[in-house]
Amino acid sequence: MSKRLWSDVQVESEGQGQTAGSNLGIKPEQNGDAGGGAAVASVKKTEEEDARKVDAVEDEMQVDKDEVILNYDEGHVAEKLAEMMKEGKSGVKIKISPKYMTNTQPMVKSRQLWGDRTYTYDSDVVPVLIHQGFYRNLSERPPEIVVEVQCVLTFQPGQTYYPSATRNRLCSRPWACSSGCEGSFSVESCCLVKEDNGKVQLTANPNRIRFQPTFAPASFDRVMNTRSTTASAERRQRYVPEVAFMFNLCNEPWRKYFMHTIADRGLKQWQWTSARLHSEVLYLETARERFELSWTEEDTNGQAGDTEKMDSYRWSKCRRPLSQSAMKEMGAPLPLDAVITMHAGLKWQDIKWGPASVEVLGKTYAILRIHFMQRGQSKGDSQSSS
């Protein structure tokens, strides 16, 4: 009889066809030489079997002298592993009951493991075995023929960084420590024990279940949100839009750059972004730099000899990122000594906006954050004028 385990191995039930009297000694007959010879042969056979059993027990005891065996206790293994590492032990064998070998176990659901292939000492053994692919990431318990699962852990020195990895639909956590972790361990081997004391060796397969990313943009745009539509969207588990705010280079909240944040607000001229810059200054940030886009005026001579005003824009690079309070003190746009003018006298057509960047006269800047700030004089200028 065979049953497919939650691993990739076949578990065979042996010894089902043995008779009840096959393990019993034959009672010698009182009369006859044939009966006496059979009795002697039976006694010799029994003695040889007993001798082999004794040798096997002695060998097992000899192994157990150097091997430390620990029974798995949910949530309390880390303390014992730390004590063994301090005592200088090289490894430990852990016996796990089949009732813990499911993905519904609390330690698996809370992802109590840090690292990849080499894990921190306080990582739980059960999620580590799933992460390494010794058995499948399922909610089903092992078959009843399985008595326990045994795994051998090898202790290793602590590391300064433990990377995160997603294997078999289970994502481990990263951990970094400048002074190094107290200790680490890796799984050397794993096997299951059957009812007849037979053992089946399990093989690690970190890529048993290939992980497929689930983050994808929604294929529709929501125009109206009401209580009913929002609740139904949550029931249907639609994707939630990503965060709209980020922290700038001064650790202050700015809006994340999207096309709709820079797009015109309407068809009327006063709703255009170019007209908005008459009263506001736009600041944009890349990963390391901050730029300023401000509106300026240029005088042009008309045909009739009168002077006309034409909109133009200045693209400048801030010498250093300033906090919002400091920018209000200096005024917007910033003084010329606080910026480096990259391009002056720009037309609005010279600035091309993209989904994740802006192009100014052929040069592309990868924009992450933007911020509109009200134009105004600095507090020092306003006090002097008053």
Protein backbone atom coordinates (compact mmCIF):
# COMPACT_ATOMS: atom_id res chain seq x y z
CA MET A 1 0.00 0.00 0.00
CA SER A 2 1.42 3.37 -0.97
CA LYS A 3 0.25 6.93 -0.44
CA ARG A 4 1.51 10.14 -1.96
CA LEU A 5 2.95 12.31 0.78
CA TRP A 6 2.81 16.08 0.86
CA SER A 7 6.42 15.68 -0.24
CA ASP A 8 7.61 14.13 -3.52
CA VAL A 9 8.42 10.69 -2.06
CA GLN A 10 6.36 7.51 -1.87
CA VAL A 11 5.66 6.20 1.63
CA GLU A 12 5.37 2.42 1.60
CA SER A 13 3.51 0.46 4.26
CA GLU A 14 5.67 -2.58 4.85
CA GLY A 15 4.97 -5.71 6.76
CA GLN A 16 1.23 -5.84 6.00
CA GLY A 17 1.36 -9.44 4.74
CA GLN A 18 3.27 -11.00 7.63
CA THR A 19 1.53 -13.68 9.65
CA ALA A 20 1.03 -13.43 13.36
CA GLY A 21 3.24 -16.44 14.05
CA SER A 22 6.18 -15.41 11.91
CA ASN A 23 7.76 -13.44 14.76
CA LEU A 24 7.29 -16.22 17.32
CA GLY A 25 9.78 -19.01 18.19
CA ILE A 26 8.86 -22.62 17.37
CA LYS A 27 8.18 -24.75 20.44
CA PRO A 28 10.26 -27.97 20.31
CA GLU A 29 8.44 -31.29 20.35
CA GLN A 30 9.07 -33.69 23.22
CA ASN A 31 9.44 -36.85 21.08
CA GLY A 32 11.47 -37.44 17.94
CA ASP A 33 14.84 -36.33 16.66
CA ALA A 34 13.29 -34.24 13.92
CA GLY A 35 11.45 -32.17 16.47
CA GLY A 36 14.63 -31.74 18.51
CA GLY A 37 16.63 -30.63 15.46
CA ALA A 38 14.00 -28.07 14.54
CA ALA A 39 14.04 -26.73 18.07
CA VAL A 40 17.83 -26.32 18.02
CA ALA A 41 17.71 -24.53 14.68
CA SER A 42 14.98 -22.22 15.94
CA VAL A 43 16.93 -21.35 19.07
CA LYS A 44 20.06 -20.58 17.03
CA LYS A 45 18.06 -18.36 14.68
CA THR A 46 16.51 -16.50 17.60
CA GLU A 47 19.94 -16.00 19.20
CA GLU A 48 21.36 -14.60 15.96
CA GLU A 49 18.43 -12.16 15.62
CA ASP A 50 18.84 -11.04 19.23
CA ALA A 51 22.56 -10.50 18.68
CA ARG A 52 21.88 -8.34 15.61
CA LYS A 53 19.32 -6.30 17.55
CA VAL A 54 21.80 -5.75 20.38
CA ASP A 55 24.49 -4.63 17.91
CA ALA A 56 22.04 -2.22 16.28
CA VAL A 57 21.05 -0.75 19.65
CA GLU A 58 24.70 -0.36 20.66
CA ASP A 59 25.50 1.39 17.37
CA GLU A 60 22.55 3.71 17.82
CA MET A 61 23.56 4.48 21.39
CA GLN A 62 27.10 5.18 20.22
CA VAL A 63 25.77 7.74 17.73
CA ASP A 64 23.49 9.32 20.30
CA LYS A 65 26.44 9.94 22.62
CA ASP A 66 27.65 12.73 20.33
CA GLU A 67 24.27 13.74 18.91
CA VAL A 68 21.91 16.10 20.71
CA ILE A 69 18.22 15.35 20.20
CA LEU A 70 15.58 18.01 20.81
CA ASN A 71 11.82 17.68 20.61
CA TYR A 72 10.11 20.48 18.73
CA ASP A 73 8.08 22.81 20.91
CA GLU A 74 6.24 25.54 19.05
CA GLY A 75 7.79 28.94 19.75
CA HIS A 76 10.33 27.70 22.33
CA VAL A 77 13.08 26.18 20.19
CA ALA A 78 15.08 29.40 19.71
CA GLU A 79 16.04 29.67 23.38
CA LYS A 80 17.33 26.09 23.44
CA LEU A 81 19.27 26.60 20.21
CA ALA A 82 20.93 29.72 21.63
CA GLU A 83 22.01 27.78 24.74
CA MET A 84 23.48 24.98 22.62
CA MET A 85 25.42 27.46 20.48
CA LYS A 86 26.88 29.05 23.61
CA GLU A 87 27.91 25.59 24.83
CA GLY A 88 29.81 25.02 21.59
CA LYS A 89 27.58 22.34 20.10
CA SER A 90 28.07 21.72 16.38
CA GLY A 91 24.49 20.74 15.62
CA VAL A 92 21.26 19.21 16.83
CA LYS A 93 18.61 16.75 15.67
CA ILE A 94 15.04 17.96 16.10
CA LYS A 95 12.04 15.65 16.18
CA ILE A 96 8.82 17.26 14.96
CA SER A 97 5.32 15.91 15.41
CA PRO A 98 3.26 15.67 12.18
CA LYS A 99 0.60 18.00 13.59
CA TYR A 100 3.02 20.92 13.19
CA MET A 101 3.92 20.15 9.58
CA THR A 102 1.32 22.37 7.86
CA ASN A 103 1.24 25.91 6.55
CA THR A 104 -1.55 26.78 8.99
CA GLN A 105 0.88 26.60 11.86
CA PRO A 106 1.24 30.04 13.57
CA MET A 107 4.99 30.18 13.01
CA VAL A 108 4.48 29.67 9.27
CA LYS A 109 1.64 32.17 8.99
CA SER A 110 3.65 34.85 10.81
CA ARG A 111 6.81 34.09 8.74
CA GLN A 112 9.14 33.50 11.66
CA LEU A 113 12.29 33.00 9.60
CA TRP A 114 15.12 35.33 8.66
CA GLY A 115 17.62 34.55 5.91
CA ASP A 116 18.01 32.24 2.93
CA ARG A 117 19.62 28.79 3.26
CA THR A 118 21.42 30.15 6.33
CA TYR A 119 18.98 31.40 8.95
CA THR A 120 19.19 33.24 12.26
CA TYR A 121 19.17 31.16 15.42
CA ASP A 122 15.67 32.39 16.37
CA SER A 123 14.12 31.27 13.06
CA ASP A 124 11.52 28.56 13.49
CA VAL A 125 12.38 25.15 12.07
CA VAL A 126 8.99 24.34 10.48
CA PRO A 127 8.83 27.39 8.15
CA VAL A 128 12.51 26.85 7.35
CA LEU A 129 11.76 23.32 6.11
CA ILE A 130 8.93 24.67 3.94
CA HIS A 131 11.19 27.45 2.65
CA GLN A 132 13.86 24.93 1.70
CA GLY A 133 11.30 22.70 -0.02
CA PHE A 134 11.62 19.54 2.06
CA TYR A 135 7.84 19.21 1.85
CA ARG A 136 5.04 21.07 0.13
CA ASN A 137 3.51 24.28 1.39
CA LEU A 138 0.05 22.84 2.03
CA SER A 139 -2.56 22.91 4.76
CA GLU A 140 -2.92 19.11 4.72
CA ARG A 141 -1.36 17.07 7.49
CA PRO A 142 1.02 14.21 6.65
CA PRO A 143 -0.49 10.71 6.27
CA GLU A 144 -1.22 8.73 9.41
CA ILE A 145 1.62 6.35 8.61
CA VAL A 146 4.10 9.15 9.41
CA VAL A 147 5.07 9.14 13.09
CA GLU A 148 7.46 12.08 13.13
CA VAL A 149 9.80 14.20 11.03
CA GLN A 150 13.46 14.47 11.96
CA CYS A 151 15.83 17.16 10.76
CA VAL A 152 19.50 17.75 11.50
CA LEU A 153 20.64 21.35 11.94
CA THR A 154 24.24 22.49 11.62
CA PHE A 155 25.25 25.50 13.70
CA GLN A 156 27.18 28.29 11.97
CA PRO A 157 28.67 31.61 13.08
CA GLY A 158 26.47 34.69 13.10
CA GLN A 159 26.36 36.93 10.05
CA THR A 160 25.94 40.67 9.66
CA TYR A 161 23.23 40.36 7.03
CA TYR A 162 20.57 37.77 6.21
CA PRO A 163 18.89 38.29 2.84
CA SER A 164 15.22 37.78 2.13
CA ALA A 165 14.03 35.28 -0.47
CA THR A 166 10.68 33.96 -1.65
CA ARG A 167 10.69 30.21 -2.08
CA ASN A 168 7.78 27.80 -2.28
CA ARG A 169 5.22 30.57 -1.70
CA LEU A 170 6.91 31.59 1.56
CA CYS A 171 8.90 34.80 1.89
CA SER A 172 11.62 34.96 4.53
CA ARG A 173 12.47 38.21 6.28
CA PRO A 174 15.73 40.16 5.96
CA TRP A 175 17.86 41.05 8.96
CA ALA A 176 20.95 43.22 9.30
CA CYS A 177 23.12 43.71 12.37
CA SER A 178 26.42 45.56 12.42
CA SER A 179 27.78 43.50 15.31
CA GLY A 180 26.57 40.20 13.86
CA CYS A 181 23.85 37.82 14.98
CA GLU A 182 24.40 35.53 17.95
CA GLY A 183 24.33 32.47 15.74
CA SER A 184 22.99 30.83 12.60
CA PHE A 185 21.98 27.41 11.41
CA SER A 186 21.36 25.54 8.19
CA VAL A 187 19.44 22.34 7.51
CA GLU A 188 21.81 19.44 6.84
CA SER A 189 19.24 16.68 6.28
CA CYS A 190 15.61 15.81 6.86
CA CYS A 191 13.70 12.54 6.96
CA LEU A 192 10.36 11.15 8.06
CA VAL A 193 9.83 8.16 10.32
CA LYS A 194 7.05 5.66 9.58
CA GLU A 195 5.08 3.41 11.91
CA ASP A 196 7.35 0.44 11.19
CA ASN A 197 10.41 2.57 12.18
CA GLY A 198 11.39 2.88 8.55
CA LYS A 199 12.89 6.17 7.42
CA VAL A 200 12.38 8.04 4.16
CA GLN A 201 14.98 10.67 3.29
CA LEU A 202 13.54 14.00 2.13
CA THR A 203 15.40 16.12 -0.42
CA ALA A 204 15.49 19.91 -0.36
CA ASN A 205 14.04 21.67 -3.37
CA PRO A 206 14.04 25.46 -2.87
CA ASN A 207 12.35 25.99 -6.25
CA ARG A 208 9.67 23.33 -5.81
CA ILE A 209 6.92 25.98 -6.29
CA ARG A 210 7.96 28.92 -8.44
CA PHE A 211 6.67 32.21 -7.11
CA GLN A 212 4.69 34.43 -9.45
CA PRO A 213 4.43 38.13 -8.54
CA THR A 214 0.92 39.37 -7.97
CA PHE A 215 1.48 43.12 -8.11
CA ALA A 216 0.07 44.53 -11.33
CA PRO A 217 -1.65 47.79 -12.26
CA ALA A 218 -5.42 47.76 -12.43
CA SER A 219 -6.90 47.60 -15.91
CA PHE A 220 -9.49 50.30 -15.20
CA ASP A 221 -9.75 53.77 -13.69
CA ARG A 222 -12.31 54.52 -11.03
CA VAL A 223 -14.19 57.76 -11.74
CA MET A 224 -16.56 57.79 -8.77
CA ASN A 225 -16.19 56.25 -5.34
CA THR A 226 -19.22 55.69 -3.16
CA ARG A 227 -19.74 53.57 -0.10
CA SER A 228 -21.26 50.76 -2.08
CA THR A 229 -18.62 50.73 -4.81
CA THR A 230 -15.76 50.90 -2.32
CA ALA A 231 -17.17 48.03 -0.28
CA SER A 232 -17.74 45.92 -3.38
CA ALA A 233 -14.20 46.63 -4.56
CA GLU A 234 -12.84 45.38 -1.26
CA ARG A 235 -14.96 42.26 -1.52
CA ARG A 236 -13.63 41.61 -4.99
CA GLN A 237 -10.08 42.19 -3.68
CA ARG A 238 -9.11 44.65 -6.36
CA TYR A 239 -5.70 46.24 -6.24
CA VAL A 240 -5.36 49.32 -4.08
CA PRO A 241 -3.55 52.29 -5.72
CA GLU A 242 -0.01 52.71 -4.50
CA VAL A 243 1.01 55.41 -2.06
CA ALA A 244 0.66 58.99 -3.31
CA PHE A 245 3.10 60.62 -0.87
CA MET A 246 6.82 60.14 -0.36
CA PHE A 247 9.48 61.66 1.85
CA ASN A 248 11.76 64.14 0.14
CA LEU A 249 15.48 64.67 0.62
CA CYS A 250 14.75 66.64 3.81
CA ASN A 251 12.48 63.90 5.16
CA GLU A 252 9.32 65.92 4.56
CA PRO A 253 6.19 64.60 2.82
CA TRP A 254 5.88 65.49 -0.86
CA ARG A 255 3.56 64.19 -3.52
CA LYS A 256 4.80 61.32 -5.63
CA TYR A 257 5.24 62.20 -9.26
CA PHE A 258 2.45 61.06 -11.55
CA MET A 259 1.25 62.36 -14.87
CA HIS A 260 -2.05 63.51 -13.39
CA THR A 261 -0.29 65.65 -10.77
CA ILE A 262 1.29 67.80 -13.46
CA ALA A 263 -1.50 67.66 -16.04
CA ASP A 264 -3.77 70.60 -16.80
CA ARG A 265 -6.82 70.86 -14.56
CA GLY A 266 -9.20 71.77 -17.35
CA LEU A 267 -9.60 73.15 -20.86
CA LYS A 268 -9.77 76.79 -19.84
CA GLN A 269 -6.57 78.78 -20.00
CA TRP A 270 -6.47 79.68 -16.33
CA GLN A 271 -6.64 75.94 -15.51
CA TRP A 272 -3.45 75.10 -17.39
CA THR A 273 -0.32 74.17 -15.44
CA SER A 274 1.65 76.85 -17.30
CA ALA A 275 -0.79 79.46 -15.95
CA ARG A 276 -0.63 77.91 -12.48
CA LEU A 277 3.07 78.70 -12.33
CA HIS A 278 2.19 82.40 -12.38
CA SER A 279 1.26 82.10 -8.72
CA GLU A 280 3.23 78.99 -7.69
CA VAL A 281 6.71 77.53 -8.08
CA LEU A 282 7.22 73.86 -8.91
CA TYR A 283 9.96 71.88 -7.20
CA LEU A 284 10.98 68.45 -8.48
CA GLU A 285 13.31 65.86 -6.98
CA THR A 286 15.27 62.97 -8.36
CA ALA A 287 16.94 60.38 -6.15
CA ARG A 288 19.70 62.83 -5.16
CA GLU A 289 18.96 66.28 -6.56
CA ARG A 290 16.29 68.96 -6.38
CA PHE A 291 15.24 71.24 -9.23
CA GLU A 292 13.13 74.38 -9.47
CA LEU A 293 10.81 75.37 -12.33
CA SER A 294 9.64 78.97 -12.06
CA TRP A 295 7.84 81.47 -14.29
CA THR A 296 9.57 84.62 -15.52
CA GLU A 297 8.71 87.44 -17.90
CA GLU A 298 10.63 88.66 -20.93
CA ASP A 299 10.08 91.90 -22.79
CA THR A 300 9.68 91.70 -26.57
CA ASN A 301 9.24 94.62 -28.96
CA GLY A 302 6.04 94.52 -31.00
CA GLN A 303 5.56 95.82 -34.53
CA ALA A 304 3.90 99.01 -33.29
CA GLY A 305 6.85 99.79 -31.06
CA ASP A 306 5.06 98.94 -27.82
CA THR A 307 6.46 96.50 -25.31
CA GLU A 308 4.76 93.11 -24.93
CA LYS A 309 5.15 90.52 -22.21
CA MET A 310 5.86 86.88 -23.09
CA ASP A 311 5.80 83.97 -20.66
CA SER A 312 9.09 82.20 -20.12
CA TYR A 313 10.33 79.71 -17.59
CA ARG A 314 13.56 79.03 -15.75
CA TRP A 315 14.91 75.55 -14.96
CA SER A 316 17.33 75.69 -12.04
CA LYS A 317 19.14 73.23 -9.82
CA CYS A 318 19.08 73.83 -6.07
CA ARG A 319 22.54 73.99 -4.58
CA ARG A 320 21.31 71.96 -1.61
CA PRO A 321 17.92 70.68 -0.49
CA LEU A 322 16.27 73.00 2.00
CA SER A 323 13.43 72.38 4.40
CA GLN A 324 10.08 73.97 3.68
CA SER A 325 10.47 76.45 6.54
CA ALA A 326 13.87 77.54 5.20
CA MET A 327 12.43 77.96 1.71
CA LYS A 328 9.65 80.16 3.08
CA GLU A 329 12.27 82.28 4.82
CA MET A 330 14.17 82.78 1.56
CA GLY A 331 11.08 83.11 -0.65
CA ALA A 332 9.95 81.33 -3.78
CA PRO A 333 11.48 81.21 -6.29
CA LEU A 334 14.74 80.90 -4.42
CA PRO A 335 17.38 83.63 -4.74
CA LEU A 336 19.93 83.25 -7.51
CA ASP A 337 22.71 82.49 -5.04
CA ALA A 338 20.78 79.45 -3.79
CA VAL A 339 20.28 77.87 -7.23
CA ILE A 340 22.27 77.10 -10.35
CA THR A 341 20.44 78.25 -13.47
CA MET A 342 20.46 75.41 -15.99
CA HIS A 343 18.19 76.92 -18.65
CA ALA A 344 16.60 80.36 -18.79
CA GLY A 345 14.02 81.77 -21.18
CA LEU A 346 12.35 78.41 -21.77
CA LYS A 347 9.06 78.10 -23.55
CA TRP A 348 6.47 75.72 -22.19
CA GLN A 349 6.86 73.59 -25.31
CA ASP A 350 10.53 73.05 -24.41
CA ILE A 351 9.47 71.05 -21.35
CA LYS A 352 8.14 67.56 -22.09
CA TRP A 353 6.50 65.57 -19.35
CA GLY A 354 6.66 61.78 -19.23
CA PRO A 355 5.20 59.06 -16.96
CA ALA A 356 8.32 58.94 -14.77
CA SER A 357 10.56 61.72 -16.08
CA VAL A 358 10.73 65.20 -17.54
CA GLU A 359 12.76 66.23 -20.57
CA VAL A 360 14.20 69.75 -20.74
CA LEU A 361 15.87 70.67 -24.05
CA GLY A 362 16.77 67.07 -24.76
CA LYS A 363 18.04 66.12 -21.28
CA THR A 364 15.95 63.66 -19.27
CA TYR A 365 15.53 63.79 -15.49
CA ALA A 366 14.03 60.84 -13.59
CA ILE A 367 11.53 62.54 -11.28
CA LEU A 368 10.34 60.90 -8.07
CA ARG A 369 8.63 63.69 -6.11
CA ILE A 370 7.09 67.10 -6.84
CA HIS A 371 5.85 70.00 -4.72
CA PHE A 372 4.02 73.21 -5.58
CA MET A 373 4.92 76.18 -3.39
CA GLN A 374 3.21 79.57 -3.31
CA ARG A 375 5.22 82.38 -4.83
CA GLY A 376 6.16 85.13 -2.44
CA GLN A 377 8.87 87.35 -1.11
CA SER A 378 11.14 86.34 1.70
CA LYS A 379 10.30 87.50 5.20
CA GLY A 380 13.40 89.70 5.22
CA ASP A 381 12.35 91.54 2.07
CA SER A 382 8.79 92.01 3.32
CA GLN A 383 10.01 93.50 6.63
CA SER A 384 12.44 95.87 4.88
CA SER A 385 9.76 97.08 2.46
CA SER A 386 7.37 97.76 5.32
